[in-house]
Protein backbone atom coordinates (compact mmCIF):
# COMPACT_ATOMS: atom_id res chain seq x y z
CA MET A 1 106.72 130.47 59.44
CA LYS A 2 104.81 130.07 55.78
CA THR A 3 104.00 126.17 54.73
CA ALA A 4 104.41 127.01 50.71
CA GLY A 5 100.81 126.39 50.33
CA GLU A 6 100.13 129.88 52.92
CA LEU A 7 102.91 131.15 50.54
CA LEU A 8 101.43 130.48 47.41
CA VAL A 9 97.92 131.84 49.13
CA GLU A 10 99.86 135.12 49.51
CA GLN A 11 101.33 135.81 45.96
CA GLY A 12 97.97 134.80 44.12
CA ARG A 13 96.06 137.54 46.52
CA LEU A 14 98.86 139.35 45.75
CA GLU A 15 98.61 139.19 42.69
CA ALA A 16 95.08 139.84 42.51
CA GLN A 17 95.33 142.92 44.41
CA ARG A 18 97.94 144.18 41.01
CA LYS A 19 95.17 142.66 38.07
CA THR A 20 92.70 145.19 39.88
CA LEU A 21 94.51 148.12 40.53
CA HIS A 22 96.10 148.03 36.73
CA ARG A 23 92.41 147.44 35.85
CA LEU A 24 91.06 150.25 37.91
CA LEU A 25 94.03 153.00 36.68
CA LEU A 26 93.25 151.97 33.40
CA LYS A 27 89.69 152.89 33.35
CA ARG A 28 89.45 155.40 36.34
CA LEU A 29 92.23 157.48 34.43
CA GLU A 30 91.71 156.72 30.77
CA LEU A 31 94.75 155.64 29.66
CA THR A 32 95.47 152.10 27.12
CA ALA A 33 98.48 151.36 29.17
CA LEU A 34 100.24 151.83 32.04
CA PRO A 35 103.88 154.20 31.83
CA ALA A 36 106.43 151.94 32.56
CA GLU A 37 106.99 153.68 35.94
CA ALA A 38 103.50 153.13 36.81
CA GLU A 39 104.09 149.39 36.30
CA THR A 40 106.96 149.05 37.83
CA ARG A 41 105.49 150.36 41.16
CA VAL A 42 102.67 148.43 41.34
CA GLN A 43 104.57 144.45 40.23
CA ALA A 44 107.20 145.47 43.09
CA ALA A 45 104.34 146.86 45.83
CA SER A 46 103.87 144.97 49.59
CA GLU A 47 100.10 144.09 50.15
CA GLU A 48 99.70 147.54 52.88
CA GLN A 49 101.07 149.76 49.68
CA LEU A 50 98.78 147.76 47.84
CA GLU A 51 95.70 148.34 49.61
CA ALA A 52 96.13 152.66 49.92
CA TRP A 53 96.85 152.74 46.42
CA LEU A 54 93.21 150.99 45.66
CA ASP A 55 91.53 152.92 48.46
CA ARG A 56 93.01 155.39 47.21
CA VAL A 57 92.12 155.32 42.79
CA LEU A 58 88.40 155.60 43.20
CA ASP A 59 88.48 159.65 44.37
CA ALA A 60 91.89 159.57 41.46
CA THR A 61 91.81 162.43 38.54
CA THR A 62 95.84 161.60 38.18
CA LEU A 63 98.32 158.51 38.99
CA GLU A 64 99.91 161.01 41.45
CA ASP A 65 96.69 161.17 43.01
CA VAL A 66 97.64 157.05 43.54
CA PHE A 67 101.18 156.45 43.99
CA GLY A 68 101.37 160.29 45.59
CA ASN A 69 105.48 162.55 45.38
């Protein structure tokens, strides 16, 4: 069982990953804003999914390249 402090640290890490992915998507794909569906996916993603998307964004040319089918 995680302590309250551990949960807060985990939440902070996830939020940092979400913000980083969001920023990289905008920059890499030259977008001014993410589509609502993409934003929803980013906000609901697990740490493992965020890490996979962060890796994919480096080579992506479309949102589909990052998120898959």
